[in-house]
PDB file of all heavy atoms in Angstrom:
ATOM      1  N   MET A   1     107.022 -52.458  27.357  1.00  0.00           N
ATOM      2  CA  MET A   1     107.106 -51.982  28.740  1.00  0.00           C
ATOM      3  C   MET A   1     107.549 -53.089  29.696  1.00  0.00           C
ATOM      4  O   MET A   1     108.225 -52.832  30.698  1.00  0.00           O
ATOM      5  CB  MET A   1     105.759 -51.396  29.173  1.00  0.00           C
ATOM      6  CG  MET A   1     105.425 -50.067  28.520  1.00  0.00           C
ATOM      7  SD  MET A   1     103.731 -49.523  28.893  1.00  0.00           S
ATOM      8  CE  MET A   1     103.688 -47.931  28.041  1.00  0.00           C
ATOM      9  N   LYS A   2     107.160 -54.319  29.398  1.00  0.00           N
ATOM     10  CA  LYS A   2     107.619 -55.453  30.196  1.00  0.00           C
ATOM     11  C   LYS A   2     109.113 -55.708  29.989  1.00  0.00           C
ATOM     12  O   LYS A   2     109.824 -56.072  30.937  1.00  0.00           O
ATOM     13  CB  LYS A   2     106.846 -56.719  29.811  1.00  0.00           C
ATOM     14  CG  LYS A   2     105.431 -56.796  30.328  1.00  0.00           C
ATOM     15  CD  LYS A   2     104.796 -58.120  29.898  1.00  0.00           C
ATOM     16  CE  LYS A   2     103.399 -58.297  30.459  1.00  0.00           C
ATOM     17  NZ  LYS A   2     102.792 -59.594  30.038  1.00  0.00           N
ATOM     18  N   ALA A   3     109.573 -55.524  28.767  1.00  0.00           N
ATOM     19  CA  ALA A   3     110.949 -55.899  28.422  1.00  0.00           C
ATOM     20  C   ALA A   3     111.966 -54.822  28.752  1.00  0.00           C
ATOM     21  O   ALA A   3     113.146 -55.122  28.953  1.00  0.00           O
ATOM     22  CB  ALA A   3     111.025 -56.242  26.930  1.00  0.00           C
ATOM     23  N   GLN A   4     111.555 -53.562  28.818  1.00  0.00           N
ATOM     24  CA  GLN A   4     112.522 -52.479  28.985  1.00  0.00           C
ATOM     25  C   GLN A   4     113.012 -52.380  30.426  1.00  0.00           C
ATOM     26  O   GLN A   4     112.403 -52.917  31.350  1.00  0.00           O
ATOM     27  CB  GLN A   4     111.927 -51.152  28.519  1.00  0.00           C
ATOM     28  CG  GLN A   4     110.730 -50.655  29.303  1.00  0.00           C
ATOM     29  CD  GLN A   4     109.957 -49.553  28.588  1.00  0.00           C
ATOM     30  OE1 GLN A   4     110.188 -49.259  27.414  1.00  0.00           O
ATOM     31  NE2 GLN A   4     109.031 -48.922  29.278  1.00  0.00           N
ATOM     32  N   SER A   5     114.114 -51.691  30.601  1.00  0.00           N
ATOM     33  CA  SER A   5     114.674 -51.496  31.941  1.00  0.00           C
ATOM     34  C   SER A   5     114.966 -50.014  32.148  1.00  0.00           C
ATOM     35  O   SER A   5     115.702 -49.418  31.358  1.00  0.00           O
ATOM     36  CB  SER A   5     115.969 -52.313  32.103  1.00  0.00           C
ATOM     37  OG  SER A   5     116.506 -52.147  33.395  1.00  0.00           O
ATOM     38  N   PRO A   6     114.390 -49.387  33.210  1.00  0.00           N
ATOM     39  CA  PRO A   6     113.476 -50.005  34.162  1.00  0.00           C
ATOM     40  C   PRO A   6     112.130 -50.356  33.529  1.00  0.00           C
ATOM     41  O   PRO A   6     111.680 -49.695  32.607  1.00  0.00           O
ATOM     42  CB  PRO A   6     113.323 -48.951  35.247  1.00  0.00           C
ATOM     43  CG  PRO A   6     113.644 -47.656  34.569  1.00  0.00           C
ATOM     44  CD  PRO A   6     114.685 -47.973  33.546  1.00  0.00           C
ATOM     45  N   GLN A   7     111.542 -51.416  34.083  1.00  0.00           N
ATOM     46  CA  GLN A   7     110.296 -51.947  33.559  1.00  0.00           C
ATOM     47  C   GLN A   7     109.126 -51.014  33.884  1.00  0.00           C
ATOM     48  O   GLN A   7     109.155 -50.261  34.849  1.00  0.00           O
ATOM     49  CB  GLN A   7     110.059 -53.313  34.208  1.00  0.00           C
ATOM     50  CG  GLN A   7     109.000 -54.173  33.584  1.00  0.00           C
ATOM     51  CD  GLN A   7     108.910 -55.521  34.275  1.00  0.00           C
ATOM     52  OE1 GLN A   7     108.654 -55.595  35.473  1.00  0.00           O
ATOM     53  NE2 GLN A   7     109.144 -56.593  33.527  1.00  0.00           N
ATOM     54  N   GLY A   8     108.091 -51.064  33.043  1.00  0.00           N
ATOM     55  CA  GLY A   8     106.860 -50.354  33.358  1.00  0.00           C
ATOM     56  C   GLY A   8     106.532 -49.241  32.390  1.00  0.00           C
ATOM     57  O   GLY A   8     107.284 -48.955  31.454  1.00  0.00           O
ATOM     58  N   GLY A   9     105.391 -48.606  32.639  1.00  0.00           N
ATOM     59  CA  GLY A   9     104.926 -47.515  31.795  1.00  0.00           C
ATOM     60  C   GLY A   9     103.457 -47.241  32.051  1.00  0.00           C
ATOM     61  O   GLY A   9     102.858 -47.782  32.983  1.00  0.00           O
ATOM     62  N   ARG A  10     102.892 -46.404  31.208  1.00  0.00           N
ATOM     63  CA  ARG A  10     101.501 -45.967  31.412  1.00  0.00           C
ATOM     64  C   ARG A  10     100.776 -45.918  30.073  1.00  0.00           C
ATOM     65  O   ARG A  10     101.312 -45.406  29.085  1.00  0.00           O
ATOM     66  CB  ARG A  10     101.488 -44.586  32.057  1.00  0.00           C
ATOM     67  CG  ARG A  10     100.120 -44.100  32.508  1.00  0.00           C
ATOM     68  CD  ARG A  10     100.212 -42.698  33.104  1.00  0.00           C
ATOM     69  NE  ARG A  10     101.194 -42.595  34.166  1.00  0.00           N
ATOM     70  CZ  ARG A  10     100.983 -42.927  35.433  1.00  0.00           C
ATOM     71  NH1 ARG A  10      99.812 -43.403  35.790  1.00  0.00           N
ATOM     72  NH2 ARG A  10     101.930 -42.780  36.332  1.00  0.00           N
ATOM     73  N   ILE A  11      99.557 -46.446  30.070  1.00  0.00           N
ATOM     74  CA  ILE A  11      98.699 -46.389  28.888  1.00  0.00           C
ATOM     75  C   ILE A  11      97.472 -45.557  29.244  1.00  0.00           C
ATOM     76  O   ILE A  11      96.856 -45.752  30.299  1.00  0.00           O
ATOM     77  CB  ILE A  11      98.284 -47.798  28.433  1.00  0.00           C
ATOM     78  CG1 ILE A  11      99.525 -48.583  27.973  1.00  0.00           C
ATOM     79  CG2 ILE A  11      97.245 -47.736  27.316  1.00  0.00           C
ATOM     80  CD1 ILE A  11      99.252 -50.052  27.693  1.00  0.00           C
ATOM     81  N   ILE A  12      97.140 -44.608  28.365  1.00  0.00           N
ATOM     82  CA  ILE A  12      95.956 -43.768  28.543  1.00  0.00           C
ATOM     83  C   ILE A  12      95.060 -43.977  27.329  1.00  0.00           C
ATOM     84  O   ILE A  12      95.489 -43.769  26.183  1.00  0.00           O
ATOM     85  CB  ILE A  12      96.334 -42.285  28.682  1.00  0.00           C
ATOM     86  CG1 ILE A  12      97.281 -42.082  29.869  1.00  0.00           C
ATOM     87  CG2 ILE A  12      95.086 -41.421  28.838  1.00  0.00           C
ATOM     88  CD1 ILE A  12      97.911 -40.707  29.924  1.00  0.00           C
ATOM     89  N   ASN A  13      93.843 -44.406  27.573  1.00  0.00           N
ATOM     90  CA  ASN A  13      92.898 -44.631  26.483  1.00  0.00           C
ATOM     91  C   ASN A  13      91.909 -43.478  26.388  1.00  0.00           C
ATOM     92  O   ASN A  13      91.364 -43.034  27.400  1.00  0.00           O
ATOM     93  CB  ASN A  13      92.138 -45.944  26.703  1.00  0.00           C
ATOM     94  CG  ASN A  13      93.036 -47.157  26.577  1.00  0.00           C
ATOM     95  OD1 ASN A  13      94.004 -47.140  25.814  1.00  0.00           O
ATOM     96  ND2 ASN A  13      92.726 -48.209  27.317  1.00  0.00           N
ATOM     97  N   ASN A  14      91.696 -43.016  25.172  1.00  0.00           N
ATOM     98  CA  ASN A  14      90.697 -41.976  24.931  1.00  0.00           C
ATOM     99  C   ASN A  14      89.350 -42.654  24.760  1.00  0.00           C
ATOM    100  O   ASN A  14      89.080 -43.294  23.747  1.00  0.00           O
ATOM    101  CB  ASN A  14      91.055 -41.158  23.691  1.00  0.00           C
ATOM    102  CG  ASN A  14      90.207 -39.912  23.559  1.00  0.00           C
ATOM    103  OD1 ASN A  14      89.212 -39.741  24.266  1.00  0.00           O
ATOM    104  ND2 ASN A  14      90.588 -39.028  22.658  1.00  0.00           N
ATOM    105  N   GLY A  15      88.515 -42.546  25.784  1.00  0.00           N
ATOM    106  CA  GLY A  15      87.165 -43.095  25.689  1.00  0.00           C
ATOM    107  C   GLY A  15      86.249 -42.038  25.105  1.00  0.00           C
ATOM    108  O   GLY A  15      86.451 -41.541  24.012  1.00  0.00           O
ATOM    109  N   SER A  16      85.234 -41.682  25.870  1.00  0.00           N
ATOM    110  CA  SER A  16      84.282 -40.650  25.458  1.00  0.00           C
ATOM    111  C   SER A  16      83.226 -40.594  26.543  1.00  0.00           C
ATOM    112  O   SER A  16      83.026 -41.578  27.273  1.00  0.00           O
ATOM    113  CB  SER A  16      83.629 -41.002  24.119  1.00  0.00           C
ATOM    114  OG  SER A  16      82.503 -40.184  23.854  1.00  0.00           O
ATOM    115  N   VAL A  17      82.501 -39.485  26.639  1.00  0.00           N
ATOM    116  CA  VAL A  17      81.347 -39.514  27.541  1.00  0.00           C
ATOM    117  C   VAL A  17      80.318 -40.521  27.035  1.00  0.00           C
ATOM    118  O   VAL A  17      79.440 -40.954  27.786  1.00  0.00           O
ATOM    119  CB  VAL A  17      80.727 -38.119  27.744  1.00  0.00           C
ATOM    120  CG1 VAL A  17      81.681 -37.201  28.475  1.00  0.00           C
ATOM    121  CG2 VAL A  17      80.280 -37.515  26.432  1.00  0.00           C
ATOM    122  N   SER A  18      80.446 -40.950  25.780  1.00  0.00           N
ATOM    123  CA  SER A  18      79.576 -42.010  25.266  1.00  0.00           C
ATOM    124  C   SER A  18      79.886 -43.357  25.900  1.00  0.00           C
ATOM    125  O   SER A  18      79.119 -44.309  25.725  1.00  0.00           O
ATOM    126  CB  SER A  18      79.688 -42.105  23.740  1.00  0.00           C
ATOM    127  OG  SER A  18      79.088 -40.986  23.131  1.00  0.00           O
ATOM    128  N   ALA A  19      81.008 -43.465  26.627  1.00  0.00           N
ATOM    129  CA  ALA A  19      81.273 -44.664  27.420  1.00  0.00           C
ATOM    130  C   ALA A  19      80.375 -44.709  28.646  1.00  0.00           C
ATOM    131  O   ALA A  19      80.307 -45.722  29.345  1.00  0.00           O
ATOM    132  CB  ALA A  19      82.734 -44.707  27.842  1.00  0.00           C
ATOM    133  N   HIS A  20      79.677 -43.605  28.923  1.00  0.00           N
ATOM    134  CA  HIS A  20      78.754 -43.518  30.050  1.00  0.00           C
ATOM    135  C   HIS A  20      77.316 -43.368  29.575  1.00  0.00           C
ATOM    136  O   HIS A  20      76.415 -44.048  30.056  1.00  0.00           O
ATOM    137  CB  HIS A  20      79.110 -42.316  30.944  1.00  0.00           C
ATOM    138  CG  HIS A  20      80.516 -42.313  31.424  1.00  0.00           C
ATOM    139  ND1 HIS A  20      80.892 -42.869  32.620  1.00  0.00           N
ATOM    140  CD2 HIS A  20      81.656 -41.819  30.859  1.00  0.00           C
ATOM    141  CE1 HIS A  20      82.207 -42.724  32.786  1.00  0.00           C
ATOM    142  NE2 HIS A  20      82.688 -42.090  31.731  1.00  0.00           N
ATOM    143  N   THR A  21      77.089 -42.430  28.646  1.00  0.00           N
ATOM    144  CA  THR A  21      75.744 -42.099  28.174  1.00  0.00           C
ATOM    145  C   THR A  21      75.788 -41.879  26.666  1.00  0.00           C
ATOM    146  O   THR A  21      76.576 -41.063  26.194  1.00  0.00           O
ATOM    147  CB  THR A  21      75.234 -40.807  28.845  1.00  0.00           C
ATOM    148  OG1 THR A  21      75.287 -40.956  30.265  1.00  0.00           O
ATOM    149  CG2 THR A  21      73.811 -40.507  28.430  1.00  0.00           C
ATOM    150  N   PRO A  22      74.965 -42.568  25.890  1.00  0.00           N
ATOM    151  CA  PRO A  22      75.056 -42.442  24.435  1.00  0.00           C
ATOM    152  C   PRO A  22      74.355 -41.204  23.897  1.00  0.00           C
ATOM    153  O   PRO A  22      73.463 -40.641  24.526  1.00  0.00           O
ATOM    154  CB  PRO A  22      74.336 -43.696  23.934  1.00  0.00           C
ATOM    155  CG  PRO A  22      73.326 -43.990  25.003  1.00  0.00           C
ATOM    156  CD  PRO A  22      73.996 -43.596  26.304  1.00  0.00           C
ATOM    157  N   ARG A  23      74.780 -40.780  22.738  1.00  0.00           N
ATOM    158  CA  ARG A  23      73.984 -39.868  21.932  1.00  0.00           C
ATOM    159  C   ARG A  23      72.962 -40.694  21.165  1.00  0.00           C
ATOM    160  O   ARG A  23      73.158 -41.892  20.935  1.00  0.00           O
ATOM    161  CB  ARG A  23      74.866 -39.120  20.921  1.00  0.00           C
ATOM    162  CG  ARG A  23      75.759 -38.053  21.526  1.00  0.00           C
ATOM    163  CD  ARG A  23      76.475 -37.270  20.428  1.00  0.00           C
ATOM    164  NE  ARG A  23      77.328 -36.218  20.974  1.00  0.00           N
ATOM    165  CZ  ARG A  23      76.898 -35.031  21.343  1.00  0.00           C
ATOM    166  NH1 ARG A  23      75.605 -34.735  21.225  1.00  0.00           N
ATOM    167  NH2 ARG A  23      77.724 -34.122  21.811  1.00  0.00           N
ATOM    168  N   PRO A  24      71.880 -40.051  20.710  1.00  0.00           N
ATOM    169  CA  PRO A  24      70.950 -40.774  19.841  1.00  0.00           C
ATOM    170  C   PRO A  24      71.648 -41.243  18.563  1.00  0.00           C
ATOM    171  O   PRO A  24      72.555 -40.576  18.039  1.00  0.00           O
ATOM    172  CB  PRO A  24      69.875 -39.719  19.520  1.00  0.00           C
ATOM    173  CG  PRO A  24      69.963 -38.718  20.630  1.00  0.00           C
ATOM    174  CD  PRO A  24      71.411 -38.681  21.011  1.00  0.00           C
ATOM    175  N   LEU A  25      71.262 -42.390  18.093  1.00  0.00           N
ATOM    176  CA  LEU A  25      71.704 -42.942  16.800  1.00  0.00           C
ATOM    177  C   LEU A  25      73.229 -43.141  16.752  1.00  0.00           C
ATOM    178  O   LEU A  25      73.870 -42.881  15.742  1.00  0.00           O
ATOM    179  CB  LEU A  25      71.254 -42.033  15.645  1.00  0.00           C
ATOM    180  CG  LEU A  25      69.752 -41.732  15.585  1.00  0.00           C
ATOM    181  CD1 LEU A  25      69.426 -40.859  14.375  1.00  0.00           C
ATOM    182  CD2 LEU A  25      68.937 -43.027  15.542  1.00  0.00           C
ATOM    183  N   SER A  26      73.803 -43.610  17.865  1.00  0.00           N
ATOM    184  CA  SER A  26      75.258 -43.806  17.919  1.00  0.00           C
ATOM    185  C   SER A  26      75.611 -45.188  18.441  1.00  0.00           C
ATOM    186  O   SER A  26      76.564 -45.352  19.205  1.00  0.00           O
ATOM    187  CB  SER A  26      75.899 -42.743  18.812  1.00  0.00           C
ATOM    188  OG  SER A  26      75.496 -42.914  20.172  1.00  0.00           O
ATOM    189  N   ALA A  27      74.849 -46.208  18.031  1.00  0.00           N
ATOM    190  CA  ALA A  27      75.015 -47.544  18.601  1.00  0.00           C
ATOM    191  C   ALA A  27      76.443 -48.076  18.413  1.00  0.00           C
ATOM    192  O   ALA A  27      77.029 -48.636  19.343  1.00  0.00           O
ATOM    193  CB  ALA A  27      74.009 -48.510  17.982  1.00  0.00           C
ATOM    194  N   ALA A  28      77.008 -47.912  17.225  1.00  0.00           N
ATOM    195  CA  ALA A  28      78.332 -48.472  16.962  1.00  0.00           C
ATOM    196  C   ALA A  28      79.390 -47.763  17.810  1.00  0.00           C
ATOM    197  O   ALA A  28      80.211 -48.410  18.476  1.00  0.00           O
ATOM    198  CB  ALA A  28      78.662 -48.359  15.482  1.00  0.00           C
ATOM    199  N   TYR A  29      79.385 -46.449  17.773  1.00  0.00           N
ATOM    200  CA  TYR A  29      80.369 -45.676  18.542  1.00  0.00           C
ATOM    201  C   TYR A  29      80.242 -45.955  20.033  1.00  0.00           C
ATOM    202  O   TYR A  29      81.237 -46.197  20.726  1.00  0.00           O
ATOM    203  CB  TYR A  29      80.158 -44.193  18.260  1.00  0.00           C
ATOM    204  CG  TYR A  29      81.141 -43.268  18.945  1.00  0.00           C
ATOM    205  CD1 TYR A  29      82.452 -43.158  18.484  1.00  0.00           C
ATOM    206  CD2 TYR A  29      80.755 -42.485  20.030  1.00  0.00           C
ATOM    207  CE1 TYR A  29      83.347 -42.296  19.098  1.00  0.00           C
ATOM    208  CE2 TYR A  29      81.639 -41.626  20.650  1.00  0.00           C
ATOM    209  CZ  TYR A  29      82.933 -41.525  20.178  1.00  0.00           C
ATOM    210  OH  TYR A  29      83.821 -40.674  20.791  1.00  0.00           O
ATOM    211  N   THR A  30      79.013 -45.944  20.540  1.00  0.00           N
ATOM    212  CA  THR A  30      78.792 -46.163  21.964  1.00  0.00           C
ATOM    213  C   THR A  30      79.272 -47.550  22.392  1.00  0.00           C
ATOM    214  O   THR A  30      79.916 -47.705  23.432  1.00  0.00           O
ATOM    215  CB  THR A  30      77.305 -45.988  22.303  1.00  0.00           C
ATOM    216  OG1 THR A  30      76.915 -44.646  21.992  1.00  0.00           O
ATOM    217  CG2 THR A  30      77.035 -46.257  23.772  1.00  0.00           C
ATOM    218  N   ALA A  31      78.979 -48.551  21.590  1.00  0.00           N
ATOM    219  CA  ALA A  31      79.413 -49.909  21.919  1.00  0.00           C
ATOM    220  C   ALA A  31      80.936 -49.995  21.989  1.00  0.00           C
ATOM    221  O   ALA A  31      81.500 -50.635  22.889  1.00  0.00           O
ATOM    222  CB  ALA A  31      78.874 -50.901  20.895  1.00  0.00           C
ATOM    223  N   THR A  32      81.617 -49.342  21.054  1.00  0.00           N
ATOM    224  CA  THR A  32      83.084 -49.406  21.059  1.00  0.00           C
ATOM    225  C   THR A  32      83.662 -48.697  22.273  1.00  0.00           C
ATOM    226  O   THR A  32      84.662 -49.153  22.847  1.00  0.00           O
ATOM    227  CB  THR A  32      83.684 -48.805  19.782  1.00  0.00           C
ATOM    228  OG1 THR A  32      83.376 -47.403  19.688  1.00  0.00           O
ATOM    229  CG2 THR A  32      83.189 -49.519  18.533  1.00  0.00           C
ATOM    230  N   LYS A  33      83.063 -47.597  22.675  1.00  0.00           N
ATOM    231  CA  LYS A  33      83.617 -46.859  23.812  1.00  0.00           C
ATOM    232  C   LYS A  33      83.352 -47.578  25.137  1.00  0.00           C
ATOM    233  O   LYS A  33      84.171 -47.494  26.062  1.00  0.00           O
ATOM    234  CB  LYS A  33      83.074 -45.426  23.826  1.00  0.00           C
ATOM    235  CG  LYS A  33      83.595 -44.592  22.654  1.00  0.00           C
ATOM    236  CD  LYS A  33      85.119 -44.628  22.559  1.00  0.00           C
ATOM    237  CE  LYS A  33      85.662 -43.756  21.444  1.00  0.00           C
ATOM    238  NZ  LYS A  33      87.137 -43.745  21.385  1.00  0.00           N
ATOM    239  N   HIS A  34      82.239 -48.300  25.245  1.00  0.00           N
ATOM    240  CA  HIS A  34      82.052 -49.166  26.403  1.00  0.00           C
ATOM    241  C   HIS A  34      83.094 -50.285  26.392  1.00  0.00           C
ATOM    242  O   HIS A  34      83.606 -50.678  27.454  1.00  0.00           O
ATOM    243  CB  HIS A  34      80.637 -49.746  26.413  1.00  0.00           C
ATOM    244  CG  HIS A  34      79.608 -48.827  26.990  1.00  0.00           C
ATOM    245  ND1 HIS A  34      79.211 -47.666  26.384  1.00  0.00           N
ATOM    246  CD2 HIS A  34      78.897 -48.898  28.146  1.00  0.00           C
ATOM    247  CE1 HIS A  34      78.294 -47.056  27.132  1.00  0.00           C
ATOM    248  NE2 HIS A  34      78.096 -47.789  28.207  1.00  0.00           N
ATOM    249  N   ALA A  35      83.415 -50.788  25.219  1.00  0.00           N
ATOM    250  CA  ALA A  35      84.438 -51.829  25.120  1.00  0.00           C
ATOM    251  C   ALA A  35      85.806 -51.304  25.549  1.00  0.00           C
ATOM    252  O   ALA A  35      86.579 -52.017  26.204  1.00  0.00           O
ATOM    253  CB  ALA A  35      84.506 -52.361  23.694  1.00  0.00           C
ATOM    254  N   VAL A  36      86.115 -50.068  25.180  1.00  0.00           N
ATOM    255  CA  VAL A  36      87.386 -49.471  25.589  1.00  0.00           C
ATOM    256  C   VAL A  36      87.487 -49.398  27.112  1.00  0.00           C
ATOM    257  O   VAL A  36      88.557 -49.628  27.702  1.00  0.00           O
ATOM    258  CB  VAL A  36      87.566 -48.074  24.950  1.00  0.00           C
ATOM    259  CG1 VAL A  36      88.726 -47.313  25.588  1.00  0.00           C
ATOM    260  CG2 VAL A  36      87.802 -48.211  23.455  1.00  0.00           C
ATOM    261  N   THR A  37      86.368 -49.098  27.779  1.00  0.00           N
ATOM    262  CA  THR A  37      86.378 -49.059  29.244  1.00  0.00           C
ATOM    263  C   THR A  37      86.755 -50.420  29.827  1.00  0.00           C
ATOM    264  O   THR A  37      87.576 -50.519  30.750  1.00  0.00           O
ATOM    265  CB  THR A  37      85.007 -48.623  29.781  1.00  0.00           C
ATOM    266  OG1 THR A  37      84.714 -47.307  29.317  1.00  0.00           O
ATOM    267  CG2 THR A  37      84.987 -48.622  31.302  1.00  0.00           C
ATOM    268  N   GLY A  38      86.171 -51.493  29.300  1.00  0.00           N
ATOM    269  CA  GLY A  38      86.520 -52.827  29.764  1.00  0.00           C
ATOM    270  C   GLY A  38      87.966 -53.166  29.492  1.00  0.00           C
ATOM    271  O   GLY A  38      88.659 -53.766  30.332  1.00  0.00           O
ATOM    272  N   LEU A  39      88.441 -52.778  28.319  1.00  0.00           N
ATOM    273  CA  LEU A  39      89.835 -53.025  27.964  1.00  0.00           C
ATOM    274  C   LEU A  39      90.774 -52.264  28.889  1.00  0.00           C
ATOM    275  O   LEU A  39      91.804 -52.793  29.342  1.00  0.00           O
ATOM    276  CB  LEU A  39      90.061 -52.612  26.503  1.00  0.00           C
ATOM    277  CG  LEU A  39      91.370 -53.014  25.836  1.00  0.00           C
ATOM    278  CD1 LEU A  39      91.562 -54.519  25.878  1.00  0.00           C
ATOM    279  CD2 LEU A  39      91.387 -52.521  24.392  1.00  0.00           C
ATOM    280  N   THR A  40      90.419 -51.036  29.211  1.00  0.00           N
ATOM    281  CA  THR A  40      91.231 -50.226  30.128  1.00  0.00           C
ATOM    282  C   THR A  40      91.383 -50.923  31.476  1.00  0.00           C
ATOM    283  O   THR A  40      92.491 -51.034  32.025  1.00  0.00           O
ATOM    284  CB  THR A  40      90.597 -48.845  30.328  1.00  0.00           C
ATOM    285  OG1 THR A  40      90.545 -48.162  29.072  1.00  0.00           O
ATOM    286  CG2 THR A  40      91.387 -48.007  31.325  1.00  0.00           C
ATOM    287  N   LYS A  41      90.288 -51.405  32.023  1.00  0.00           N
ATOM    288  CA  LYS A  41      90.320 -52.061  33.327  1.00  0.00           C
ATOM    289  C   LYS A  41      91.139 -53.338  33.287  1.00  0.00           C
ATOM    290  O   LYS A  41      91.900 -53.644  34.226  1.00  0.00           O
ATOM    291  CB  LYS A  41      88.894 -52.358  33.798  1.00  0.00           C
ATOM    292  CG  LYS A  41      88.079 -51.109  34.090  1.00  0.00           C
ATOM    293  CD  LYS A  41      86.636 -51.461  34.458  1.00  0.00           C
ATOM    294  CE  LYS A  41      85.830 -50.209  34.748  1.00  0.00           C
ATOM    295  NZ  LYS A  41      84.408 -50.527  35.074  1.00  0.00           N
ATOM    296  N   ALA A  42      91.019 -54.094  32.190  1.00  0.00           N
ATOM    297  CA  ALA A  42      91.761 -55.346  32.077  1.00  0.00           C
ATOM    298  C   ALA A  42      93.259 -55.097  31.938  1.00  0.00           C
ATOM    299  O   ALA A  42      94.076 -55.802  32.552  1.00  0.00           O
ATOM    300  CB  ALA A  42      91.232 -56.148  30.884  1.00  0.00           C
ATOM    301  N   ILE A  43      93.633 -54.105  31.143  1.00  0.00           N
ATOM    302  CA  ILE A  43      95.059 -53.781  30.974  1.00  0.00           C
ATOM    303  C   ILE A  43      95.658 -53.340  32.298  1.00  0.00           C
ATOM    304  O   ILE A  43      96.771 -53.746  32.668  1.00  0.00           O
ATOM    305  CB  ILE A  43      95.237 -52.693  29.901  1.00  0.00           C
ATOM    306  CG1 ILE A  43      94.854 -53.214  28.519  1.00  0.00           C
ATOM    307  CG2 ILE A  43      96.688 -52.186  29.880  1.00  0.00           C
ATOM    308  CD1 ILE A  43      94.736 -52.127  27.472  1.00  0.00           C
ATOM    309  N   ASP A  44      94.935 -52.502  33.028  1.00  0.00           N
ATOM    310  CA  ASP A  44      95.444 -52.022  34.307  1.00  0.00           C
ATOM    311  C   ASP A  44      95.627 -53.173  35.296  1.00  0.00           C
ATOM    312  O   ASP A  44      96.632 -53.235  36.019  1.00  0.00           O
ATOM    313  CB  ASP A  44      94.488 -50.976  34.881  1.00  0.00           C
ATOM    314  CG  ASP A  44      95.055 -50.298  36.113  1.00  0.00           C
ATOM    315  OD1 ASP A  44      96.173 -49.752  36.029  1.00  0.00           O
ATOM    316  OD2 ASP A  44      94.384 -50.307  37.160  1.00  0.00           O
ATOM    317  N   LEU A  45      94.684 -54.089  35.318  1.00  0.00           N
ATOM    318  CA  LEU A  45      94.778 -55.240  36.219  1.00  0.00           C
ATOM    319  C   LEU A  45      95.955 -56.137  35.845  1.00  0.00           C
ATOM    320  O   LEU A  45      96.782 -56.494  36.700  1.00  0.00           O
ATOM    321  CB  LEU A  45      93.477 -56.029  36.172  1.00  0.00           C
ATOM    322  CG  LEU A  45      93.427 -57.326  36.988  1.00  0.00           C
ATOM    323  CD1 LEU A  45      93.640 -57.047  38.471  1.00  0.00           C
ATOM    324  CD2 LEU A  45      92.099 -58.044  36.748  1.00  0.00           C
TER     325      LEU A  45
END
């Protein structure tokens, strides 16, 4: 997206409502979806 002309583009990440509130017994999934939220914000910035 940086190299193409015209420059730019859009990235959409599929998070989950688990990025906000976990289900029981979903520690791994919930942790990854919170991480995706941080990654989304960093990419946008």
